Amino acid sequence: MLTLLFHAFPLGIAVLDKELRYRAVNKALAAMNRVAPQAHLGKTIRDGIGKPAVTLEAPFKHVVFSGRRVSLEF
């Protein structure tokens, strides 16, 4: 099912580790970031998307370390 989500839909999806480094990126997200999927691997979200990552880092870390969901509004 994860493979289907990762490849079949035009949604940008990434798997991050606890240091917010990319471990997997689908083609849709890579296209949005204008960087090849493999080029993301091992880099932080700040490396991948730049300044917008500052807004995302705290909520992402909250989810990673607390296991609780977060709602984001833009």
PDB file of N, CA and C in Angstrom:
ATOM      1  N   MET A   1       0.821  -1.186   0.000  1.00  0.00           N
ATOM      2  CA  MET A   1       0.000   0.000   0.000  1.00  0.00           C
ATOM      3  C   MET A   1       0.873   1.261   0.000  1.00  0.00           C
ATOM      4  N   LEU A   2       1.948   1.243   0.777  1.00  0.00           N
ATOM      5  CA  LEU A   2       2.845   2.399   0.807  1.00  0.00           C
ATOM      6  C   LEU A   2       3.470   2.634  -0.562  1.00  0.00           C
ATOM      7  N   THR A   3       3.838   1.554  -1.228  1.00  0.00           N
ATOM      8  CA  THR A   3       4.404   1.688  -2.574  1.00  0.00           C
ATOM      9  C   THR A   3       3.400   2.332  -3.512  1.00  0.00           C
ATOM     10  N   LEU A   4       2.151   1.940  -3.417  1.00  0.00           N
ATOM     11  CA  LEU A   4       1.102   2.528  -4.245  1.00  0.00           C
ATOM     12  C   LEU A   4       0.979   4.020  -3.971  1.00  0.00           C
ATOM     13  N   LEU A   5       0.916   4.412  -2.713  1.00  0.00           N
ATOM     14  CA  LEU A   5       0.840   5.831  -2.362  1.00  0.00           C
ATOM     15  C   LEU A   5       2.056   6.592  -2.866  1.00  0.00           C
ATOM     16  N   PHE A   6       3.197   5.966  -2.736  1.00  0.00           N
ATOM     17  CA  PHE A   6       4.449   6.618  -3.085  1.00  0.00           C
ATOM     18  C   PHE A   6       4.565   6.890  -4.580  1.00  0.00           C
ATOM     19  N   HIS A   7       4.007   6.008  -5.405  1.00  0.00           N
ATOM     20  CA  HIS A   7       4.234   6.113  -6.849  1.00  0.00           C
ATOM     21  C   HIS A   7       2.999   6.424  -7.685  1.00  0.00           C
ATOM     22  N   ALA A   8       1.823   6.098  -7.211  1.00  0.00           N
ATOM     23  CA  ALA A   8       0.641   6.177  -8.062  1.00  0.00           C
ATOM     24  C   ALA A   8      -0.057   7.535  -8.058  1.00  0.00           C
ATOM     25  N   PHE A   9       0.091   8.295  -7.027  1.00  0.00           N
ATOM     26  CA  PHE A   9      -0.644   9.548  -6.917  1.00  0.00           C
ATOM     27  C   PHE A   9       0.291  10.747  -7.108  1.00  0.00           C
ATOM     28  N   PRO A  10      -0.259  11.852  -7.596  1.00  0.00           N
ATOM     29  CA  PRO A  10       0.576  13.045  -7.815  1.00  0.00           C
ATOM     30  C   PRO A  10       0.777  13.865  -6.536  1.00  0.00           C
ATOM     31  N   LEU A  11       0.991  13.171  -5.420  1.00  0.00           N
ATOM     32  CA  LEU A  11       1.233  13.829  -4.136  1.00  0.00           C
ATOM     33  C   LEU A  11       2.719  13.762  -3.824  1.00  0.00           C
ATOM     34  N   GLY A  12       3.261  14.858  -3.319  1.00  0.00           N
ATOM     35  CA  GLY A  12       4.653  14.850  -2.895  1.00  0.00           C
ATOM     36  C   GLY A  12       4.783  14.159  -1.552  1.00  0.00           C
ATOM     37  N   ILE A  13       5.561  13.079  -1.516  1.00  0.00           N
ATOM     38  CA  ILE A  13       5.717  12.299  -0.293  1.00  0.00           C
ATOM     39  C   ILE A  13       7.194  12.079  -0.009  1.00  0.00           C
ATOM     40  N   ALA A  14       7.560  12.233   1.268  1.00  0.00           N
ATOM     41  CA  ALA A  14       8.929  11.945   1.692  1.00  0.00           C
ATOM     42  C   ALA A  14       8.899  11.180   2.999  1.00  0.00           C
ATOM     43  N   VAL A  15       9.915  10.387   3.212  1.00  0.00           N
ATOM     44  CA  VAL A  15      10.144   9.726   4.489  1.00  0.00           C
ATOM     45  C   VAL A  15      11.380  10.398   5.075  1.00  0.00           C
ATOM     46  N   LEU A  16      11.239  10.891   6.316  1.00  0.00           N
ATOM     47  CA  LEU A  16      12.330  11.595   6.989  1.00  0.00           C
ATOM     48  C   LEU A  16      12.772  10.815   8.213  1.00  0.00           C
ATOM     49  N   ASP A  17      14.041  10.979   8.602  1.00  0.00           N
ATOM     50  CA  ASP A  17      14.508  10.368   9.844  1.00  0.00           C
ATOM     51  C   ASP A  17      14.381  11.376  10.983  1.00  0.00           C
ATOM     52  N   LYS A  18      14.872  11.031  12.155  1.00  0.00           N
ATOM     53  CA  LYS A  18      14.735  11.904  13.321  1.00  0.00           C
ATOM     54  C   LYS A  18      15.501  13.216  13.197  1.00  0.00           C
ATOM     55  N   GLU A  19      16.491  13.257  12.323  1.00  0.00           N
ATOM     56  CA  GLU A  19      17.231  14.502  12.087  1.00  0.00           C
ATOM     57  C   GLU A  19      16.636  15.283  10.918  1.00  0.00           C
ATOM     58  N   LEU A  20      15.434  14.861  10.487  1.00  0.00           N
ATOM     59  CA  LEU A  20      14.716  15.469   9.368  1.00  0.00           C
ATOM     60  C   LEU A  20      15.518  15.407   8.076  1.00  0.00           C
ATOM     61  N   ARG A  21      16.209  14.293   7.893  1.00  0.00           N
ATOM     62  CA  ARG A  21      16.926  14.021   6.644  1.00  0.00           C
ATOM     63  C   ARG A  21      16.067  13.102   5.788  1.00  0.00           C
ATOM     64  N   TYR A  22      16.091  13.367   4.487  1.00  0.00           N
ATOM     65  CA  TYR A  22      15.326  12.545   3.555  1.00  0.00           C
ATOM     66  C   TYR A  22      15.885  11.137   3.507  1.00  0.00           C
ATOM     67  N   ARG A  23      15.009  10.152   3.653  1.00  0.00           N
ATOM     68  CA  ARG A  23      15.367   8.738   3.494  1.00  0.00           C
ATOM     69  C   ARG A  23      14.718   8.170   2.243  1.00  0.00           C
ATOM     70  N   ALA A  24      13.618   8.764   1.806  1.00  0.00           N
ATOM     71  CA  ALA A  24      12.948   8.376   0.561  1.00  0.00           C
ATOM     72  C   ALA A  24      12.136   9.561   0.071  1.00  0.00           C
ATOM     73  N   VAL A  25      12.087   9.729  -1.239  1.00  0.00           N
ATOM     74  CA  VAL A  25      11.346  10.830  -1.859  1.00  0.00           C
ATOM     75  C   VAL A  25      10.705  10.287  -3.133  1.00  0.00           C
ATOM     76  N   ASN A  26       9.438  10.590  -3.334  1.00  0.00           N
ATOM     77  CA  ASN A  26       8.821  10.130  -4.574  1.00  0.00           C
ATOM     78  C   ASN A  26       9.055  11.142  -5.694  1.00  0.00           C
ATOM     79  N   LYS A  27       8.719  10.727  -6.917  1.00  0.00           N
ATOM     80  CA  LYS A  27       8.975  11.571  -8.094  1.00  0.00           C
ATOM     81  C   LYS A  27       8.188  12.873  -8.051  1.00  0.00           C
ATOM     82  N   ALA A  28       6.968  12.836  -7.509  1.00  0.00           N
ATOM     83  CA  ALA A  28       6.151  14.051  -7.447  1.00  0.00           C
ATOM     84  C   ALA A  28       6.810  15.113  -6.566  1.00  0.00           C
ATOM     85  N   LEU A  29       7.308  14.726  -5.408  1.00  0.00           N
ATOM     86  CA  LEU A  29       7.976  15.695  -4.531  1.00  0.00           C
ATOM     87  C   LEU A  29       9.278  16.177  -5.153  1.00  0.00           C
ATOM     88  N   ALA A  30      10.001  15.262  -5.760  1.00  0.00           N
ATOM     89  CA  ALA A  30      11.249  15.647  -6.422  1.00  0.00           C
ATOM     90  C   ALA A  30      10.984  16.683  -7.516  1.00  0.00           C
ATOM     91  N   ALA A  31       9.912  16.504  -8.262  1.00  0.00           N
ATOM     92  CA  ALA A  31       9.560  17.472  -9.306  1.00  0.00           C
ATOM     93  C   ALA A  31       9.205  18.829  -8.698  1.00  0.00           C
ATOM     94  N   MET A  32       8.474  18.806  -7.573  1.00  0.00           N
ATOM     95  CA  MET A  32       8.121  20.063  -6.907  1.00  0.00           C
ATOM     96  C   MET A  32       9.374  20.804  -6.423  1.00  0.00           C
ATOM     97  N   ASN A  33      10.343  20.045  -5.920  1.00  0.00           N
ATOM     98  CA  ASN A  33      11.582  20.638  -5.406  1.00  0.00           C
ATOM     99  C   ASN A  33      12.609  20.896  -6.500  1.00  0.00           C
ATOM    100  N   ARG A  34      12.316  20.385  -7.701  1.00  0.00           N
ATOM    101  CA  ARG A  34      13.226  20.520  -8.850  1.00  0.00           C
ATOM    102  C   ARG A  34      14.601  19.912  -8.581  1.00  0.00           C
ATOM    103  N   VAL A  35      14.565  18.770  -7.882  1.00  0.00           N
ATOM    104  CA  VAL A  35      15.783  18.033  -7.548  1.00  0.00           C
ATOM    105  C   VAL A  35      15.470  16.550  -7.724  1.00  0.00           C
ATOM    106  N   ALA A  36      16.382  15.800  -8.316  1.00  0.00           N
ATOM    107  CA  ALA A  36      16.164  14.365  -8.523  1.00  0.00           C
ATOM    108  C   ALA A  36      15.915  13.669  -7.188  1.00  0.00           C
ATOM    109  N   PRO A  37      15.084  12.628  -7.190  1.00  0.00           N
ATOM    110  CA  PRO A  37      14.801  11.922  -5.934  1.00  0.00           C
ATOM    111  C   PRO A  37      16.068  11.475  -5.202  1.00  0.00           C
ATOM    112  N   GLN A  38      17.007  10.866  -5.906  1.00  0.00           N
ATOM    113  CA  GLN A  38      18.240  10.372  -5.272  1.00  0.00           C
ATOM    114  C   GLN A  38      19.078  11.502  -4.688  1.00  0.00           C
ATOM    115  N   ALA A  39      18.997  12.687  -5.274  1.00  0.00           N
ATOM    116  CA  ALA A  39      19.787  13.819  -4.785  1.00  0.00           C
ATOM    117  C   ALA A  39      19.290  14.326  -3.433  1.00  0.00           C
ATOM    118  N   HIS A  40      18.068  14.003  -3.062  1.00  0.00           N
ATOM    119  CA  HIS A  40      17.524  14.390  -1.760  1.00  0.00           C
ATOM    120  C   HIS A  40      18.118  13.571  -0.614  1.00  0.00           C
ATOM    121  N   LEU A  41      18.414  12.321  -0.894  1.00  0.00           N
ATOM    122  CA  LEU A  41      18.729  11.355   0.160  1.00  0.00           C
ATOM    123  C   LEU A  41      19.902  11.792   1.025  1.00  0.00           C
ATOM    124  N   GLY A  42      19.670  11.756   2.346  1.00  0.00           N
ATOM    125  CA  GLY A  42      20.685  12.145   3.311  1.00  0.00           C
ATOM    126  C   GLY A  42      20.728  13.631   3.616  1.00  0.00           C
ATOM    127  N   LYS A  43      20.018  14.426   2.835  1.00  0.00           N
ATOM    128  CA  LYS A  43      19.993  15.875   3.060  1.00  0.00           C
ATOM    129  C   LYS A  43      18.813  16.236   3.950  1.00  0.00           C
ATOM    130  N   THR A  44      18.920  17.356   4.641  1.00  0.00           N
ATOM    131  CA  THR A  44      17.835  17.813   5.506  1.00  0.00           C
ATOM    132  C   THR A  44      16.748  18.489   4.675  1.00  0.00           C
ATOM    133  N   ILE A  45      15.586  18.672   5.301  1.00  0.00           N
ATOM    134  CA  ILE A  45      14.533  19.379   4.582  1.00  0.00           C
ATOM    135  C   ILE A  45      14.955  20.818   4.288  1.00  0.00           C
ATOM    136  N   ARG A  46      15.787  21.369   5.141  1.00  0.00           N
ATOM    137  CA  ARG A  46      16.285  22.729   4.878  1.00  0.00           C
ATOM    138  C   ARG A  46      17.155  22.744   3.627  1.00  0.00           C
ATOM    139  N   ASP A  47      17.956  21.690   3.444  1.00  0.00           N
ATOM    140  CA  ASP A  47      18.745  21.570   2.213  1.00  0.00           C
ATOM    141  C   ASP A  47      17.827  21.424   1.001  1.00  0.00           C
ATOM    142  N   GLY A  48      16.725  20.720   1.195  1.00  0.00           N
ATOM    143  CA  GLY A  48      15.828  20.412   0.081  1.00  0.00           C
ATOM    144  C   GLY A  48      14.940  21.556  -0.340  1.00  0.00           C
ATOM    145  N   ILE A  49      14.353  22.267   0.627  1.00  0.00           N
ATOM    146  CA  ILE A  49      13.394  23.321   0.250  1.00  0.00           C
ATOM    147  C   ILE A  49      13.794  24.710   0.727  1.00  0.00           C
ATOM    148  N   GLY A  50      14.901  24.805   1.438  1.00  0.00           N
ATOM    149  CA  GLY A  50      15.399  26.120   1.846  1.00  0.00           C
ATOM    150  C   GLY A  50      14.600  26.761   2.965  1.00  0.00           C
ATOM    151  N   LYS A  51      14.384  28.049   2.832  1.00  0.00           N
ATOM    152  CA  LYS A  51      13.772  28.857   3.886  1.00  0.00           C
ATOM    153  C   LYS A  51      12.408  28.360   4.374  1.00  0.00           C
ATOM    154  N   PRO A  52      11.524  27.858   3.504  1.00  0.00           N
ATOM    155  CA  PRO A  52      10.239  27.359   4.008  1.00  0.00           C
ATOM    156  C   PRO A  52      10.382  26.244   5.044  1.00  0.00           C
ATOM    157  N   ALA A  53      11.501  25.547   5.055  1.00  0.00           N
ATOM    158  CA  ALA A  53      11.708  24.465   6.016  1.00  0.00           C
ATOM    159  C   ALA A  53      11.706  24.971   7.450  1.00  0.00           C
ATOM    160  N   VAL A  54      12.084  26.211   7.655  1.00  0.00           N
ATOM    161  CA  VAL A  54      12.124  26.780   9.001  1.00  0.00           C
ATOM    162  C   VAL A  54      10.744  26.674   9.655  1.00  0.00           C
ATOM    163  N   THR A  55       9.693  26.902   8.887  1.00  0.00           N
ATOM    164  CA  THR A  55       8.322  26.825   9.389  1.00  0.00           C
ATOM    165  C   THR A  55       7.923  25.381   9.713  1.00  0.00           C
ATOM    166  N   LEU A  56       8.486  24.427   9.005  1.00  0.00           N
ATOM    167  CA  LEU A  56       8.095  23.027   9.156  1.00  0.00           C
ATOM    168  C   LEU A  56       8.903  22.258  10.192  1.00  0.00           C
ATOM    169  N   GLU A  57      10.113  22.695  10.474  1.00  0.00           N
ATOM    170  CA  GLU A  57      11.002  21.916  11.342  1.00  0.00           C
ATOM    171  C   GLU A  57      10.432  21.675  12.738  1.00  0.00           C
ATOM    172  N   ALA A  58       9.922  22.694  13.391  1.00  0.00           N
ATOM    173  CA  ALA A  58       9.395  22.521  14.755  1.00  0.00           C
ATOM    174  C   ALA A  58       8.204  21.558  14.789  1.00  0.00           C
ATOM    175  N   PRO A  59       7.201  21.727  13.911  1.00  0.00           N
ATOM    176  CA  PRO A  59       6.090  20.765  13.942  1.00  0.00           C
ATOM    177  C   PRO A  59       6.530  19.338  13.595  1.00  0.00           C
ATOM    178  N   PHE A  60       7.436  19.194  12.637  1.00  0.00           N
ATOM    179  CA  PHE A  60       7.920  17.860  12.282  1.00  0.00           C
ATOM    180  C   PHE A  60       8.637  17.216  13.466  1.00  0.00           C
ATOM    181  N   LYS A  61       9.471  17.977  14.146  1.00  0.00           N
ATOM    182  CA  LYS A  61      10.187  17.437  15.307  1.00  0.00           C
ATOM    183  C   LYS A  61       9.206  17.065  16.422  1.00  0.00           C
ATOM    184  N   HIS A  62       8.168  17.862  16.591  1.00  0.00           N
ATOM    185  CA  HIS A  62       7.144  17.547  17.592  1.00  0.00           C
ATOM    186  C   HIS A  62       6.528  16.178  17.310  1.00  0.00           C
ATOM    187  N   VAL A  63       6.191  15.934  16.054  1.00  0.00           N
ATOM    188  CA  VAL A  63       5.596  14.656  15.673  1.00  0.00           C
ATOM    189  C   VAL A  63       6.580  13.513  15.898  1.00  0.00           C
ATOM    190  N   VAL A  64       7.817  13.705  15.483  1.00  0.00           N
ATOM    191  CA  VAL A  64       8.832  12.647  15.612  1.00  0.00           C
ATOM    192  C   VAL A  64       9.044  12.269  17.074  1.00  0.00           C
ATOM    193  N   PHE A  65       9.176  13.251  17.944  1.00  0.00           N
ATOM    194  CA  PHE A  65       9.545  12.964  19.330  1.00  0.00           C
ATOM    195  C   PHE A  65       8.365  12.719  20.265  1.00  0.00           C
ATOM    196  N   SER A  66       7.181  13.231  19.924  1.00  0.00           N
ATOM    197  CA  SER A  66       6.026  13.009  20.794  1.00  0.00           C
ATOM    198  C   SER A  66       5.105  11.914  20.263  1.00  0.00           C
ATOM    199  N   GLY A  67       5.168  11.690  18.960  1.00  0.00           N
ATOM    200  CA  GLY A  67       4.263  10.723  18.355  1.00  0.00           C
ATOM    201  C   GLY A  67       2.848  11.248  18.186  1.00  0.00           C
ATOM    202  N   ARG A  68       2.667  12.531  18.414  1.00  0.00           N
ATOM    203  CA  ARG A  68       1.341  13.137  18.317  1.00  0.00           C
ATOM    204  C   ARG A  68       1.237  13.963  17.054  1.00  0.00           C
ATOM    205  N   ARG A  69       0.057  14.011  16.502  1.00  0.00           N
ATOM    206  CA  ARG A  69      -0.170  14.742  15.262  1.00  0.00           C
ATOM    207  C   ARG A  69      -0.140  16.254  15.492  1.00  0.00           C
ATOM    208  N   VAL A  70       0.042  16.964  14.396  1.00  0.00           N
ATOM    209  CA  VAL A  70       0.064  18.423  14.407  1.00  0.00           C
ATOM    210  C   VAL A  70      -0.748  18.892  13.212  1.00  0.00           C
ATOM    211  N   SER A  71      -1.518  19.936  13.377  1.00  0.00           N
ATOM    212  CA  SER A  71      -2.231  20.554  12.261  1.00  0.00           C
ATOM    213  C   SER A  71      -1.500  21.822  11.869  1.00  0.00           C
ATOM    214  N   LEU A  72      -1.243  21.937  10.576  1.00  0.00           N
ATOM    215  CA  LEU A  72      -0.569  23.124  10.057  1.00  0.00           C
ATOM    216  C   LEU A  72      -1.538  23.910   9.176  1.00  0.00           C
ATOM    217  N   GLU A  73      -1.496  25.216   9.313  1.00  0.00           N
ATOM    218  CA  GLU A  73      -2.304  26.086   8.465  1.00  0.00           C
ATOM    219  C   GLU A  73      -1.374  27.062   7.789  1.00  0.00           C
ATOM    220  N   PHE A  74      -1.578  27.210   6.496  1.00  0.00           N
ATOM    221  CA  PHE A  74      -0.747  28.159   5.724  1.00  0.00           C
ATOM    222  C   PHE A  74      -1.597  29.221   5.124  1.00  0.00           C
TER     223      PHE A  74
END
